[in-house]
Amino acid sequence: MTHFVKVARTDEIKPGQARLVDARGRQIALFNINGEFFATDNMCTHEQGSLAEGEISGHEVTCPLHGAKFDVRTGSVLGPPAYDDVACYSVRVMGTDIEVDVE
């Protein structure tokens, strides 16, 4: 069962940027990659750095604390020191609203 929650509007996050959003109490990093939106848990699995504050290059985000890298499409770890993936969430755009499935 899906539970999509509105978290932002498309004009609030420019391409190549991320934003920290709250979806039913979950802190989620929302990424705009060339007009396509992706969502992961905000906290790096290594030392809890904010991925919404990380550097974005293509579909990769780098944790600002120690440089762990993750694929924003899948949550997969791409580089240490993290070894565990971050959770990903389905995203849909309804008009200008961005919604994330948190269930």
PDB file of N, CA and C in Angstrom:
ATOM      1  N   MET A   1       0.837  -1.180   0.000  1.00  0.00           N
ATOM      2  CA  MET A   1       0.000   0.000   0.000  1.00  0.00           C
ATOM      3  C   MET A   1       0.885   1.248   0.000  1.00  0.00           C
ATOM      4  N   THR A   2       0.554   2.198  -0.835  1.00  0.00           N
ATOM      5  CA  THR A   2       1.358   3.410  -0.917  1.00  0.00           C
ATOM      6  C   THR A   2       0.755   4.521  -0.063  1.00  0.00           C
ATOM      7  N   HIS A   3       1.628   5.352   0.447  1.00  0.00           N
ATOM      8  CA  HIS A   3       1.235   6.502   1.253  1.00  0.00           C
ATOM      9  C   HIS A   3       2.050   7.710   0.815  1.00  0.00           C
ATOM     10  N   PHE A   4       1.670   8.277  -0.305  1.00  0.00           N
ATOM     11  CA  PHE A   4       2.396   9.440  -0.805  1.00  0.00           C
ATOM     12  C   PHE A   4       2.028  10.674   0.016  1.00  0.00           C
ATOM     13  N   VAL A   5       3.054  11.460   0.343  1.00  0.00           N
ATOM     14  CA  VAL A   5       2.909  12.668   1.135  1.00  0.00           C
ATOM     15  C   VAL A   5       3.546  13.818   0.371  1.00  0.00           C
ATOM     16  N   LYS A   6       2.839  14.946   0.266  1.00  0.00           N
ATOM     17  CA  LYS A   6       3.417  16.119  -0.385  1.00  0.00           C
ATOM     18  C   LYS A   6       4.539  16.662   0.496  1.00  0.00           C
ATOM     19  N   VAL A   7       5.716  16.875  -0.126  1.00  0.00           N
ATOM     20  CA  VAL A   7       6.872  17.364   0.638  1.00  0.00           C
ATOM     21  C   VAL A   7       7.446  18.674   0.095  1.00  0.00           C
ATOM     22  N   ALA A   8       7.124  19.016  -1.148  1.00  0.00           N
ATOM     23  CA  ALA A   8       7.685  20.237  -1.744  1.00  0.00           C
ATOM     24  C   ALA A   8       6.973  20.522  -3.053  1.00  0.00           C
ATOM     25  N   ARG A   9       7.371  21.648  -3.660  1.00  0.00           N
ATOM     26  CA  ARG A   9       6.898  22.007  -4.990  1.00  0.00           C
ATOM     27  C   ARG A   9       8.096  21.964  -5.935  1.00  0.00           C
ATOM     28  N   THR A  10       7.826  21.692  -7.186  1.00  0.00           N
ATOM     29  CA  THR A  10       8.913  21.531  -8.155  1.00  0.00           C
ATOM     30  C   THR A  10       9.765  22.784  -8.303  1.00  0.00           C
ATOM     31  N   ASP A  11       9.185  23.958  -8.089  1.00  0.00           N
ATOM     32  CA  ASP A  11       9.954  25.191  -8.261  1.00  0.00           C
ATOM     33  C   ASP A  11      10.805  25.541  -7.036  1.00  0.00           C
ATOM     34  N   GLU A  12      10.734  24.734  -5.985  1.00  0.00           N
ATOM     35  CA  GLU A  12      11.497  25.001  -4.765  1.00  0.00           C
ATOM     36  C   GLU A  12      12.899  24.383  -4.767  1.00  0.00           C
ATOM     37  N   ILE A  13      13.140  23.443  -5.685  1.00  0.00           N
ATOM     38  CA  ILE A  13      14.439  22.760  -5.739  1.00  0.00           C
ATOM     39  C   ILE A  13      14.942  22.814  -7.178  1.00  0.00           C
ATOM     40  N   LYS A  14      15.999  23.552  -7.397  1.00  0.00           N
ATOM     41  CA  LYS A  14      16.561  23.697  -8.737  1.00  0.00           C
ATOM     42  C   LYS A  14      17.359  22.449  -9.116  1.00  0.00           C
ATOM     43  N   PRO A  15      17.505  22.181 -10.421  1.00  0.00           N
ATOM     44  CA  PRO A  15      18.323  21.049 -10.855  1.00  0.00           C
ATOM     45  C   PRO A  15      19.727  21.114 -10.254  1.00  0.00           C
ATOM     46  N   GLY A  16      20.197  19.969  -9.782  1.00  0.00           N
ATOM     47  CA  GLY A  16      21.517  19.890  -9.165  1.00  0.00           C
ATOM     48  C   GLY A  16      21.517  20.234  -7.693  1.00  0.00           C
ATOM     49  N   GLN A  17      20.337  20.456  -7.124  1.00  0.00           N
ATOM     50  CA  GLN A  17      20.241  20.794  -5.708  1.00  0.00           C
ATOM     51  C   GLN A  17      19.467  19.735  -4.938  1.00  0.00           C
ATOM     52  N   ALA A  18      19.584  19.824  -3.612  1.00  0.00           N
ATOM     53  CA  ALA A  18      18.858  18.929  -2.711  1.00  0.00           C
ATOM     54  C   ALA A  18      18.209  19.778  -1.634  1.00  0.00           C
ATOM     55  N   ARG A  19      17.246  19.182  -0.975  1.00  0.00           N
ATOM     56  CA  ARG A  19      16.549  19.864   0.113  1.00  0.00           C
ATOM     57  C   ARG A  19      16.145  18.837   1.157  1.00  0.00           C
ATOM     58  N   LEU A  20      16.269  19.224   2.409  1.00  0.00           N
ATOM     59  CA  LEU A  20      15.807  18.384   3.509  1.00  0.00           C
ATOM     60  C   LEU A  20      14.314  18.609   3.663  1.00  0.00           C
ATOM     61  N   VAL A  21      13.542  17.514   3.652  1.00  0.00           N
ATOM     62  CA  VAL A  21      12.095  17.599   3.835  1.00  0.00           C
ATOM     63  C   VAL A  21      11.677  16.615   4.920  1.00  0.00           C
ATOM     64  N   ASP A  22      10.517  16.882   5.485  1.00  0.00           N
ATOM     65  CA  ASP A  22       9.944  15.992   6.494  1.00  0.00           C
ATOM     66  C   ASP A  22       8.714  15.321   5.894  1.00  0.00           C
ATOM     67  N   ALA A  23       8.665  14.004   5.990  1.00  0.00           N
ATOM     68  CA  ALA A  23       7.514  13.245   5.506  1.00  0.00           C
ATOM     69  C   ALA A  23       7.059  12.313   6.620  1.00  0.00           C
ATOM     70  N   ARG A  24       6.005  12.735   7.299  1.00  0.00           N
ATOM     71  CA  ARG A  24       5.464  11.952   8.423  1.00  0.00           C
ATOM     72  C   ARG A  24       6.535  11.626   9.461  1.00  0.00           C
ATOM     73  N   GLY A  25       7.330  12.625   9.802  1.00  0.00           N
ATOM     74  CA  GLY A  25       8.343  12.455  10.833  1.00  0.00           C
ATOM     75  C   GLY A  25       9.664  11.895  10.355  1.00  0.00           C
ATOM     76  N   ARG A  26       9.760  11.548   9.088  1.00  0.00           N
ATOM     77  CA  ARG A  26      11.029  11.046   8.530  1.00  0.00           C
ATOM     78  C   ARG A  26      11.783  12.188   7.863  1.00  0.00           C
ATOM     79  N   GLN A  27      13.079  12.276   8.162  1.00  0.00           N
ATOM     80  CA  GLN A  27      13.936  13.281   7.543  1.00  0.00           C
ATOM     81  C   GLN A  27      14.457  12.702   6.228  1.00  0.00           C
ATOM     82  N   ILE A  28      14.059  13.329   5.127  1.00  0.00           N
ATOM     83  CA  ILE A  28      14.354  12.807   3.799  1.00  0.00           C
ATOM     84  C   ILE A  28      15.115  13.853   2.992  1.00  0.00           C
ATOM     85  N   ALA A  29      16.140  13.389   2.280  1.00  0.00           N
ATOM     86  CA  ALA A  29      16.865  14.244   1.337  1.00  0.00           C
ATOM     87  C   ALA A  29      16.186  14.096  -0.013  1.00  0.00           C
ATOM     88  N   LEU A  30      15.723  15.216  -0.553  1.00  0.00           N
ATOM     89  CA  LEU A  30      15.038  15.232  -1.837  1.00  0.00           C
ATOM     90  C   LEU A  30      15.960  15.893  -2.856  1.00  0.00           C
ATOM     91  N   PHE A  31      16.247  15.195  -3.938  1.00  0.00           N
ATOM     92  CA  PHE A  31      17.215  15.636  -4.941  1.00  0.00           C
ATOM     93  C   PHE A  31      16.521  15.935  -6.268  1.00  0.00           C
ATOM     94  N   ASN A  32      16.961  16.996  -6.940  1.00  0.00           N
ATOM     95  CA  ASN A  32      16.512  17.303  -8.291  1.00  0.00           C
ATOM     96  C   ASN A  32      17.708  17.077  -9.208  1.00  0.00           C
ATOM     97  N   ILE A  33      17.618  16.029 -10.011  1.00  0.00           N
ATOM     98  CA  ILE A  33      18.685  15.713 -10.956  1.00  0.00           C
ATOM     99  C   ILE A  33      18.120  15.923 -12.363  1.00  0.00           C
ATOM    100  N   ASN A  34      18.478  17.051 -12.959  1.00  0.00           N
ATOM    101  CA  ASN A  34      18.014  17.390 -14.313  1.00  0.00           C
ATOM    102  C   ASN A  34      16.497  17.319 -14.446  1.00  0.00           C
ATOM    103  N   GLY A  35      15.772  17.794 -13.424  1.00  0.00           N
ATOM    104  CA  GLY A  35      14.320  17.817 -13.472  1.00  0.00           C
ATOM    105  C   GLY A  35      13.643  16.545 -13.011  1.00  0.00           C
ATOM    106  N   GLU A  36      14.409  15.535 -12.651  1.00  0.00           N
ATOM    107  CA  GLU A  36      13.864  14.288 -12.120  1.00  0.00           C
ATOM    108  C   GLU A  36      14.166  14.264 -10.625  1.00  0.00           C
ATOM    109  N   PHE A  37      13.181  13.862  -9.825  1.00  0.00           N
ATOM    110  CA  PHE A  37      13.318  13.930  -8.376  1.00  0.00           C
ATOM    111  C   PHE A  37      13.539  12.547  -7.765  1.00  0.00           C
ATOM    112  N   PHE A  38      14.422  12.512  -6.751  1.00  0.00           N
ATOM    113  CA  PHE A  38      14.772  11.289  -6.040  1.00  0.00           C
ATOM    114  C   PHE A  38      14.770  11.581  -4.544  1.00  0.00           C
ATOM    115  N   ALA A  39      14.490  10.559  -3.748  1.00  0.00           N
ATOM    116  CA  ALA A  39      14.438  10.754  -2.300  1.00  0.00           C
ATOM    117  C   ALA A  39      15.135   9.597  -1.585  1.00  0.00           C
ATOM    118  N   THR A  40      15.976   9.960  -0.600  1.00  0.00           N
ATOM    119  CA  THR A  40      16.651   8.976   0.247  1.00  0.00           C
ATOM    120  C   THR A  40      16.537   9.435   1.698  1.00  0.00           C
ATOM    121  N   ASP A  41      16.850   8.520   2.620  1.00  0.00           N
ATOM    122  CA  ASP A  41      17.014   8.963   4.000  1.00  0.00           C
ATOM    123  C   ASP A  41      18.055  10.068   3.994  1.00  0.00           C
ATOM    124  N   ASN A  42      17.902  11.026   4.870  1.00  0.00           N
ATOM    125  CA  ASN A  42      18.829  12.154   4.893  1.00  0.00           C
ATOM    126  C   ASN A  42      20.171  11.803   5.514  1.00  0.00           C
ATOM    127  N   MET A  43      20.191  10.910   6.476  1.00  0.00           N
ATOM    128  CA  MET A  43      21.415  10.652   7.232  1.00  0.00           C
ATOM    129  C   MET A  43      22.299   9.583   6.600  1.00  0.00           C
ATOM    130  N   CYS A  44      23.558   9.926   6.421  1.00  0.00           N
ATOM    131  CA  CYS A  44      24.570   8.987   5.946  1.00  0.00           C
ATOM    132  C   CYS A  44      24.646   7.822   6.928  1.00  0.00           C
ATOM    133  N   THR A  45      24.831   6.631   6.411  1.00  0.00           N
ATOM    134  CA  THR A  45      24.901   5.446   7.268  1.00  0.00           C
ATOM    135  C   THR A  45      26.245   5.297   7.971  1.00  0.00           C
ATOM    136  N   HIS A  46      27.200   6.164   7.671  1.00  0.00           N
ATOM    137  CA  HIS A  46      28.498   6.089   8.332  1.00  0.00           C
ATOM    138  C   HIS A  46      28.507   6.868   9.637  1.00  0.00           C
ATOM    139  N   GLU A  47      28.326   8.187   9.573  1.00  0.00           N
ATOM    140  CA  GLU A  47      28.396   9.024  10.779  1.00  0.00           C
ATOM    141  C   GLU A  47      27.265  10.037  10.849  1.00  0.00           C
ATOM    142  N   GLN A  48      26.154   9.734  10.202  1.00  0.00           N
ATOM    143  CA  GLN A  48      24.947  10.566  10.298  1.00  0.00           C
ATOM    144  C   GLN A  48      25.091  11.974   9.737  1.00  0.00           C
ATOM    145  N   GLY A  49      25.903  12.154   8.714  1.00  0.00           N
ATOM    146  CA  GLY A  49      25.978  13.442   8.031  1.00  0.00           C
ATOM    147  C   GLY A  49      24.732  13.655   7.189  1.00  0.00           C
ATOM    148  N   SER A  50      24.342  14.897   6.986  1.00  0.00           N
ATOM    149  CA  SER A  50      23.153  15.229   6.215  1.00  0.00           C
ATOM    150  C   SER A  50      23.435  15.134   4.716  1.00  0.00           C
ATOM    151  N   LEU A  51      22.794  14.180   4.052  1.00  0.00           N
ATOM    152  CA  LEU A  51      22.997  14.032   2.609  1.00  0.00           C
ATOM    153  C   LEU A  51      22.384  15.197   1.837  1.00  0.00           C
ATOM    154  N   ALA A  52      21.370  15.845   2.398  1.00  0.00           N
ATOM    155  CA  ALA A  52      20.787  17.021   1.749  1.00  0.00           C
ATOM    156  C   ALA A  52      21.800  18.153   1.659  1.00  0.00           C
ATOM    157  N   GLU A  53      22.821  18.119   2.508  1.00  0.00           N
ATOM    158  CA  GLU A  53      23.875  19.135   2.488  1.00  0.00           C
ATOM    159  C   GLU A  53      25.107  18.672   1.709  1.00  0.00           C
ATOM    160  N   GLY A  54      25.025  17.470   1.130  1.00  0.00           N
ATOM    161  CA  GLY A  54      26.162  16.909   0.404  1.00  0.00           C
ATOM    162  C   GLY A  54      26.333  17.493  -0.985  1.00  0.00           C
ATOM    163  N   GLU A  55      27.479  17.207  -1.565  1.00  0.00           N
ATOM    164  CA  GLU A  55      27.788  17.639  -2.929  1.00  0.00           C
ATOM    165  C   GLU A  55      27.173  16.658  -3.912  1.00  0.00           C
ATOM    166  N   ILE A  56      26.512  17.190  -4.931  1.00  0.00           N
ATOM    167  CA  ILE A  56      25.842  16.360  -5.929  1.00  0.00           C
ATOM    168  C   ILE A  56      26.608  16.423  -7.237  1.00  0.00           C
ATOM    169  N   SER A  57      26.855  15.247  -7.808  1.00  0.00           N
ATOM    170  CA  SER A  57      27.503  15.151  -9.111  1.00  0.00           C
ATOM    171  C   SER A  57      26.798  14.042  -9.884  1.00  0.00           C
ATOM    172  N   GLY A  58      26.062  14.411 -10.914  1.00  0.00           N
ATOM    173  CA  GLY A  58      25.261  13.420 -11.632  1.00  0.00           C
ATOM    174  C   GLY A  58      24.225  12.841 -10.687  1.00  0.00           C
ATOM    175  N   HIS A  59      24.193  11.516 -10.588  1.00  0.00           N
ATOM    176  CA  HIS A  59      23.263  10.829  -9.683  1.00  0.00           C
ATOM    177  C   HIS A  59      23.947  10.428  -8.379  1.00  0.00           C
ATOM    178  N   GLU A  60      25.043  11.080  -8.062  1.00  0.00           N
ATOM    179  CA  GLU A  60      25.832  10.730  -6.874  1.00  0.00           C
ATOM    180  C   GLU A  60      25.830  11.876  -5.868  1.00  0.00           C
ATOM    181  N   VAL A  61      25.637  11.534  -4.594  1.00  0.00           N
ATOM    182  CA  VAL A  61      25.751  12.532  -3.533  1.00  0.00           C
ATOM    183  C   VAL A  61      26.891  12.104  -2.621  1.00  0.00           C
ATOM    184  N   THR A  62      27.693  13.079  -2.198  1.00  0.00           N
ATOM    185  CA  THR A  62      28.826  12.843  -1.305  1.00  0.00           C
ATOM    186  C   THR A  62      28.506  13.430   0.056  1.00  0.00           C
ATOM    187  N   CYS A  63      28.611  12.615   1.087  1.00  0.00           N
ATOM    188  CA  CYS A  63      28.349  13.063   2.448  1.00  0.00           C
ATOM    189  C   CYS A  63      29.351  14.160   2.819  1.00  0.00           C
ATOM    190  N   PRO A  64      28.871  15.259   3.399  1.00  0.00           N
ATOM    191  CA  PRO A  64      29.771  16.366   3.726  1.00  0.00           C
ATOM    192  C   PRO A  64      30.719  16.080   4.892  1.00  0.00           C
ATOM    193  N   LEU A  65      30.457  15.042   5.684  1.00  0.00           N
ATOM    194  CA  LEU A  65      31.325  14.770   6.831  1.00  0.00           C
ATOM    195  C   LEU A  65      32.603  14.029   6.468  1.00  0.00           C
ATOM    196  N   HIS A  66      32.470  12.862   5.842  1.00  0.00           N
ATOM    197  CA  HIS A  66      33.652  12.031   5.590  1.00  0.00           C
ATOM    198  C   HIS A  66      33.764  11.517   4.158  1.00  0.00           C
ATOM    199  N   GLY A  67      32.889  12.000   3.273  1.00  0.00           N
ATOM    200  CA  GLY A  67      33.050  11.675   1.858  1.00  0.00           C
ATOM    201  C   GLY A  67      32.428  10.390   1.360  1.00  0.00           C
ATOM    202  N   ALA A  68      31.596   9.726   2.161  1.00  0.00           N
ATOM    203  CA  ALA A  68      30.900   8.540   1.654  1.00  0.00           C
ATOM    204  C   ALA A  68      30.027   8.959   0.479  1.00  0.00           C
ATOM    205  N   LYS A  69      29.898   8.071  -0.504  1.00  0.00           N
ATOM    206  CA  LYS A  69      29.140   8.396  -1.710  1.00  0.00           C
ATOM    207  C   LYS A  69      27.988   7.418  -1.886  1.00  0.00           C
ATOM    208  N   PHE A  70      26.845   7.972  -2.347  1.00  0.00           N
ATOM    209  CA  PHE A  70      25.637   7.178  -2.546  1.00  0.00           C
ATOM    210  C   PHE A  70      24.997   7.529  -3.879  1.00  0.00           C
ATOM    211  N   ASP A  71      24.338   6.549  -4.481  1.00  0.00           N
ATOM    212  CA  ASP A  71      23.549   6.762  -5.690  1.00  0.00           C
ATOM    213  C   ASP A  71      22.157   7.209  -5.245  1.00  0.00           C
ATOM    214  N   VAL A  72      21.722   8.404  -5.642  1.00  0.00           N
ATOM    215  CA  VAL A  72      20.432   8.924  -5.197  1.00  0.00           C
ATOM    216  C   VAL A  72      19.262   8.147  -5.800  1.00  0.00           C
ATOM    217  N   ARG A  73      19.503   7.395  -6.882  1.00  0.00           N
ATOM    218  CA  ARG A  73      18.427   6.615  -7.512  1.00  0.00           C
ATOM    219  C   ARG A  73      18.127   5.346  -6.749  1.00  0.00           C
ATOM    220  N   THR A  74      19.153   4.758  -6.130  1.00  0.00           N
ATOM    221  CA  THR A  74      18.994   3.444  -5.498  1.00  0.00           C
ATOM    222  C   THR A  74      19.345   3.424  -4.014  1.00  0.00           C
ATOM    223  N   GLY A  75      20.068   4.439  -3.558  1.00  0.00           N
ATOM    224  CA  GLY A  75      20.555   4.455  -2.176  1.00  0.00           C
ATOM    225  C   GLY A  75      21.818   3.631  -1.980  1.00  0.00           C
ATOM    226  N   SER A  76      22.319   3.027  -3.031  1.00  0.00           N
ATOM    227  CA  SER A  76      23.495   2.158  -2.937  1.00  0.00           C
ATOM    228  C   SER A  76      24.745   2.952  -2.581  1.00  0.00           C
ATOM    229  N   VAL A  77      25.577   2.347  -1.742  1.00  0.00           N
ATOM    230  CA  VAL A  77      26.877   2.941  -1.407  1.00  0.00           C
ATOM    231  C   VAL A  77      27.773   2.839  -2.632  1.00  0.00           C
ATOM    232  N   LEU A  78      28.402   3.949  -2.980  1.00  0.00           N
ATOM    233  CA  LEU A  78      29.337   3.970  -4.105  1.00  0.00           C
ATOM    234  C   LEU A  78      30.776   4.143  -3.643  1.00  0.00           C
ATOM    235  N   GLY A  79      30.954   4.568  -2.386  1.00  0.00           N
ATOM    236  CA  GLY A  79      32.307   4.765  -1.893  1.00  0.00           C
ATOM    237  C   GLY A  79      32.340   4.867  -0.380  1.00  0.00           C
ATOM    238  N   PRO A  80      33.422   4.338   0.229  1.00  0.00           N
ATOM    239  CA  PRO A  80      33.567   4.363   1.681  1.00  0.00           C
ATOM    240  C   PRO A  80      33.759   5.784   2.203  1.00  0.00           C
ATOM    241  N   PRO A  81      33.631   5.959   3.485  1.00  0.00           N
ATOM    242  CA  PRO A  81      33.681   4.959   4.545  1.00  0.00           C
ATOM    243  C   PRO A  81      32.360   4.274   4.869  1.00  0.00           C
ATOM    244  N   ALA A  82      31.240   4.658   4.267  1.00  0.00           N
ATOM    245  CA  ALA A  82      29.973   3.957   4.526  1.00  0.00           C
ATOM    246  C   ALA A  82      29.993   2.593   3.842  1.00  0.00           C
ATOM    247  N   TYR A  83      29.330   1.632   4.475  1.00  0.00           N
ATOM    248  CA  TYR A  83      29.209   0.299   3.891  1.00  0.00           C
ATOM    249  C   TYR A  83      27.754  -0.117   3.724  1.00  0.00           C
ATOM    250  N   ASP A  84      26.848   0.586   4.401  1.00  0.00           N
ATOM    251  CA  ASP A  84      25.421   0.274   4.311  1.00  0.00           C
ATOM    252  C   ASP A  84      24.723   1.289   3.418  1.00  0.00           C
ATOM    253  N   ASP A  85      23.807   0.795   2.595  1.00  0.00           N
ATOM    254  CA  ASP A  85      23.019   1.659   1.724  1.00  0.00           C
ATOM    255  C   ASP A  85      22.091   2.539   2.567  1.00  0.00           C
ATOM    256  N   VAL A  86      21.602   3.615   1.966  1.00  0.00           N
ATOM    257  CA  VAL A  86      20.548   4.416   2.581  1.00  0.00           C
ATOM    258  C   VAL A  86      19.220   4.017   1.946  1.00  0.00           C
ATOM    259  N   ALA A  87      18.144   4.162   2.703  1.00  0.00           N
ATOM    260  CA  ALA A  87      16.816   3.836   2.180  1.00  0.00           C
ATOM    261  C   ALA A  87      16.426   4.846   1.104  1.00  0.00           C
ATOM    262  N   CYS A  88      15.718   4.354   0.096  1.00  0.00           N
ATOM    263  CA  CYS A  88      15.185   5.194  -0.973  1.00  0.00           C
ATOM    264  C   CYS A  88      13.670   5.168  -0.908  1.00  0.00           C
ATOM    265  N   TYR A  89      13.075   6.219  -1.424  1.00  0.00           N
ATOM    266  CA  TYR A  89      11.621   6.334  -1.426  1.00  0.00           C
ATOM    267  C   TYR A  89      11.145   6.661  -2.830  1.00  0.00           C
ATOM    268  N   SER A  90       9.994   6.124  -3.196  1.00  0.00           N
ATOM    269  CA  SER A  90       9.384   6.452  -4.482  1.00  0.00           C
ATOM    270  C   SER A  90       8.933   7.900  -4.462  1.00  0.00           C
ATOM    271  N   VAL A  91       9.115   8.562  -5.598  1.00  0.00           N
ATOM    272  CA  VAL A  91       8.742   9.965  -5.743  1.00  0.00           C
ATOM    273  C   VAL A  91       7.825  10.086  -6.946  1.00  0.00           C
ATOM    274  N   ARG A  92       6.810  10.934  -6.805  1.00  0.00           N
ATOM    275  CA  ARG A  92       5.975  11.261  -7.962  1.00  0.00           C
ATOM    276  C   ARG A  92       5.702  12.757  -7.957  1.00  0.00           C
ATOM    277  N   VAL A  93       5.513  13.285  -9.161  1.00  0.00           N
ATOM    278  CA  VAL A  93       5.188  14.695  -9.320  1.00  0.00           C
ATOM    279  C   VAL A  93       3.750  14.772  -9.812  1.00  0.00           C
ATOM    280  N   MET A  94       2.946  15.507  -9.056  1.00  0.00           N
ATOM    281  CA  MET A  94       1.532  15.695  -9.383  1.00  0.00           C
ATOM    282  C   MET A  94       1.337  17.190  -9.638  1.00  0.00           C
ATOM    283  N   GLY A  95       1.327  17.569 -10.904  1.00  0.00           N
ATOM    284  CA  GLY A  95       1.289  18.992 -11.237  1.00  0.00           C
ATOM    285  C   GLY A  95       2.603  19.621 -10.817  1.00  0.00           C
ATOM    286  N   THR A  96       2.566  20.525  -9.851  1.00  0.00           N
ATOM    287  CA  THR A  96       3.795  21.132  -9.334  1.00  0.00           C
ATOM    288  C   THR A  96       4.158  20.602  -7.952  1.00  0.00           C
ATOM    289  N   ASP A  97       3.387  19.648  -7.437  1.00  0.00           N
ATOM    290  CA  ASP A  97       3.650  19.066  -6.119  1.00  0.00           C
ATOM    291  C   ASP A  97       4.546  17.843  -6.235  1.00  0.00           C
ATOM    292  N   ILE A  98       5.524  17.760  -5.332  1.00  0.00           N
ATOM    293  CA  ILE A  98       6.376  16.584  -5.247  1.00  0.00           C
ATOM    294  C   ILE A  98       5.899  15.774  -4.063  1.00  0.00           C
ATOM    295  N   GLU A  99       5.639  14.490  -4.295  1.00  0.00           N
ATOM    296  CA  GLU A  99       5.165  13.600  -3.251  1.00  0.00           C
ATOM    297  C   GLU A  99       6.122  12.430  -3.094  1.00  0.00           C
ATOM    298  N   VAL A 100       6.295  11.994  -1.839  1.00  0.00           N
ATOM    299  CA  VAL A 100       7.183  10.879  -1.521  1.00  0.00           C
ATOM    300  C   VAL A 100       6.361   9.797  -0.821  1.00  0.00           C
ATOM    301  N   ASP A 101       6.598   8.546  -1.209  1.00  0.00           N
ATOM    302  CA  ASP A 101       5.930   7.408  -0.576  1.00  0.00           C
ATOM    303  C   ASP A 101       6.754   6.973   0.623  1.00  0.00           C
ATOM    304  N   VAL A 102       6.240   7.192   1.820  1.00  0.00           N
ATOM    305  CA  VAL A 102       6.995   6.902   3.036  1.00  0.00           C
ATOM    306  C   VAL A 102       6.623   5.573   3.673  1.00  0.00           C
ATOM    307  N   GLU A 103       5.795   4.773   3.036  1.00  0.00           N
ATOM    308  CA  GLU A 103       5.434   3.463   3.602  1.00  0.00           C
ATOM    309  C   GLU A 103       6.033   2.349   2.784  1.00  0.00           C
TER     310      GLU A 103
END
